[in-house]
Amino acid sequence: MNVSKSFKVIIAAISLFIAGIIVVGANANTAYASQIFQSQNPNNRHLDTMYTANSAEHSNLIRAGWMNFGVA
């Protein structure tokens, strides 16, 4: 009976450890999430699509005449 109780404690500890890893991993992904901006060259829409996380780069493309598709 003592072995069974020890086994349950070990399983519970492993489960809590795995749950902690999942929670930390989920929080890490959301902490570094950023917006991705999309713009397209009006002269070649099918080939020139720009995705960037840099808002200054996106703004420069829009000023240069690219089409603004906002956040992708």
C-alpha atoms as a PDB file:
ATOM      1  CA  MET A   1       0.000   0.000   0.000  1.00  0.00           C
ATOM      2  CA  ASN A   2       2.902   2.332   0.709  1.00  0.00           C
ATOM      3  CA  VAL A   3       4.297   1.818  -2.813  1.00  0.00           C
ATOM      4  CA  SER A   4       0.940   2.726  -4.332  1.00  0.00           C
ATOM      5  CA  LYS A   5       0.788   5.961  -2.331  1.00  0.00           C
ATOM      6  CA  SER A   6       4.353   6.862  -3.357  1.00  0.00           C
ATOM      7  CA  PHE A   7       3.491   6.139  -6.985  1.00  0.00           C
ATOM      8  CA  LYS A   8       0.467   8.473  -6.800  1.00  0.00           C
ATOM      9  CA  VAL A   9       2.620  11.236  -5.297  1.00  0.00           C
ATOM     10  CA  ILE A  10       5.210  10.839  -8.056  1.00  0.00           C
ATOM     11  CA  ILE A  11       2.522  10.909 -10.772  1.00  0.00           C
ATOM     12  CA  ALA A  12       0.968  14.019  -9.183  1.00  0.00           C
ATOM     13  CA  ALA A  13       4.366  15.761  -9.062  1.00  0.00           C
ATOM     14  CA  ILE A  14       5.098  14.917 -12.691  1.00  0.00           C
ATOM     15  CA  SER A  15       1.646  16.159 -13.736  1.00  0.00           C
ATOM     16  CA  LEU A  16       2.154  19.471 -11.936  1.00  0.00           C
ATOM     17  CA  PHE A  17       5.586  19.832 -13.529  1.00  0.00           C
ATOM     18  CA  ILE A  18       4.177  19.259 -17.028  1.00  0.00           C
ATOM     19  CA  ALA A  19       1.288  21.657 -16.369  1.00  0.00           C
ATOM     20  CA  GLY A  20       3.810  24.282 -15.237  1.00  0.00           C
ATOM     21  CA  ILE A  21       5.813  23.869 -18.435  1.00  0.00           C
ATOM     22  CA  ILE A  22       2.663  24.280 -20.529  1.00  0.00           C
ATOM     23  CA  VAL A  23       1.620  27.450 -18.670  1.00  0.00           C
ATOM     24  CA  VAL A  24       5.094  28.984 -18.861  1.00  0.00           C
ATOM     25  CA  GLY A  25       5.318  28.119 -22.560  1.00  0.00           C
ATOM     26  CA  ALA A  26       1.949  29.716 -23.277  1.00  0.00           C
ATOM     27  CA  ASN A  27       2.914  32.872 -21.404  1.00  0.00           C
ATOM     28  CA  ALA A  28       6.274  33.064 -23.168  1.00  0.00           C
ATOM     29  CA  ASN A  29       4.591  32.983 -26.574  1.00  0.00           C
ATOM     30  CA  THR A  30       2.159  35.758 -25.727  1.00  0.00           C
ATOM     31  CA  ALA A  31       4.820  37.919 -24.098  1.00  0.00           C
ATOM     32  CA  TYR A  32       6.760  38.209 -27.356  1.00  0.00           C
ATOM     33  CA  ALA A  33       3.815  38.370 -29.722  1.00  0.00           C
ATOM     34  CA  SER A  34       3.819  41.403 -31.972  1.00  0.00           C
ATOM     35  CA  GLN A  35       1.803  42.810 -34.798  1.00  0.00           C
ATOM     36  CA  ILE A  36       2.710  41.880 -38.351  1.00  0.00           C
ATOM     37  CA  PHE A  37       1.991  44.602 -40.907  1.00  0.00           C
ATOM     38  CA  GLN A  38       1.187  43.776 -44.513  1.00  0.00           C
ATOM     39  CA  SER A  39       1.680  45.974 -47.558  1.00  0.00           C
ATOM     40  CA  GLN A  40       1.731  45.343 -51.298  1.00  0.00           C
ATOM     41  CA  ASN A  41       3.429  46.957 -54.227  1.00  0.00           C
ATOM     42  CA  PRO A  42       0.654  48.410 -56.432  1.00  0.00           C
ATOM     43  CA  ASN A  43       2.692  47.735 -59.575  1.00  0.00           C
ATOM     44  CA  ASN A  44       3.151  44.036 -58.911  1.00  0.00           C
ATOM     45  CA  ARG A  45       0.508  42.873 -56.406  1.00  0.00           C
ATOM     46  CA  HIS A  46       0.977  39.162 -56.877  1.00  0.00           C
ATOM     47  CA  LEU A  47       4.725  39.091 -56.323  1.00  0.00           C
ATOM     48  CA  ASP A  48       5.542  41.968 -53.976  1.00  0.00           C
ATOM     49  CA  THR A  49       3.860  41.478 -50.625  1.00  0.00           C
ATOM     50  CA  MET A  50       5.781  42.710 -47.603  1.00  0.00           C
ATOM     51  CA  TYR A  51       5.210  41.375 -44.090  1.00  0.00           C
ATOM     52  CA  THR A  52       7.061  43.143 -41.289  1.00  0.00           C
ATOM     53  CA  ALA A  53       6.873  43.593 -37.531  1.00  0.00           C
ATOM     54  CA  ASN A  54       8.655  46.946 -37.850  1.00  0.00           C
ATOM     55  CA  SER A  55       6.048  49.723 -37.951  1.00  0.00           C
ATOM     56  CA  ALA A  56       8.598  52.276 -39.236  1.00  0.00           C
ATOM     57  CA  GLU A  57       9.454  50.038 -42.189  1.00  0.00           C
ATOM     58  CA  HIS A  58       5.759  49.589 -42.921  1.00  0.00           C
ATOM     59  CA  SER A  59       5.163  53.368 -42.760  1.00  0.00           C
ATOM     60  CA  ASN A  60       8.055  54.013 -45.151  1.00  0.00           C
ATOM     61  CA  LEU A  61       6.597  51.587 -47.682  1.00  0.00           C
ATOM     62  CA  ILE A  62       3.179  53.261 -47.461  1.00  0.00           C
ATOM     63  CA  ARG A  63       4.792  56.680 -48.011  1.00  0.00           C
ATOM     64  CA  ALA A  64       6.572  55.224 -51.048  1.00  0.00           C
ATOM     65  CA  GLY A  65       3.212  54.306 -52.582  1.00  0.00           C
ATOM     66  CA  TRP A  66       2.669  50.741 -51.425  1.00  0.00           C
ATOM     67  CA  MET A  67      -0.886  49.659 -50.541  1.00  0.00           C
ATOM     68  CA  ASN A  68      -1.607  49.418 -46.813  1.00  0.00           C
ATOM     69  CA  PHE A  69      -3.339  46.203 -45.752  1.00  0.00           C
ATOM     70  CA  GLY A  70      -2.860  46.928 -42.038  1.00  0.00           C
ATOM     71  CA  VAL A  71      -2.201  44.187 -39.531  1.00  0.00           C
ATOM     72  CA  ALA A  72      -2.007  40.723 -41.081  1.00  0.00           C
END
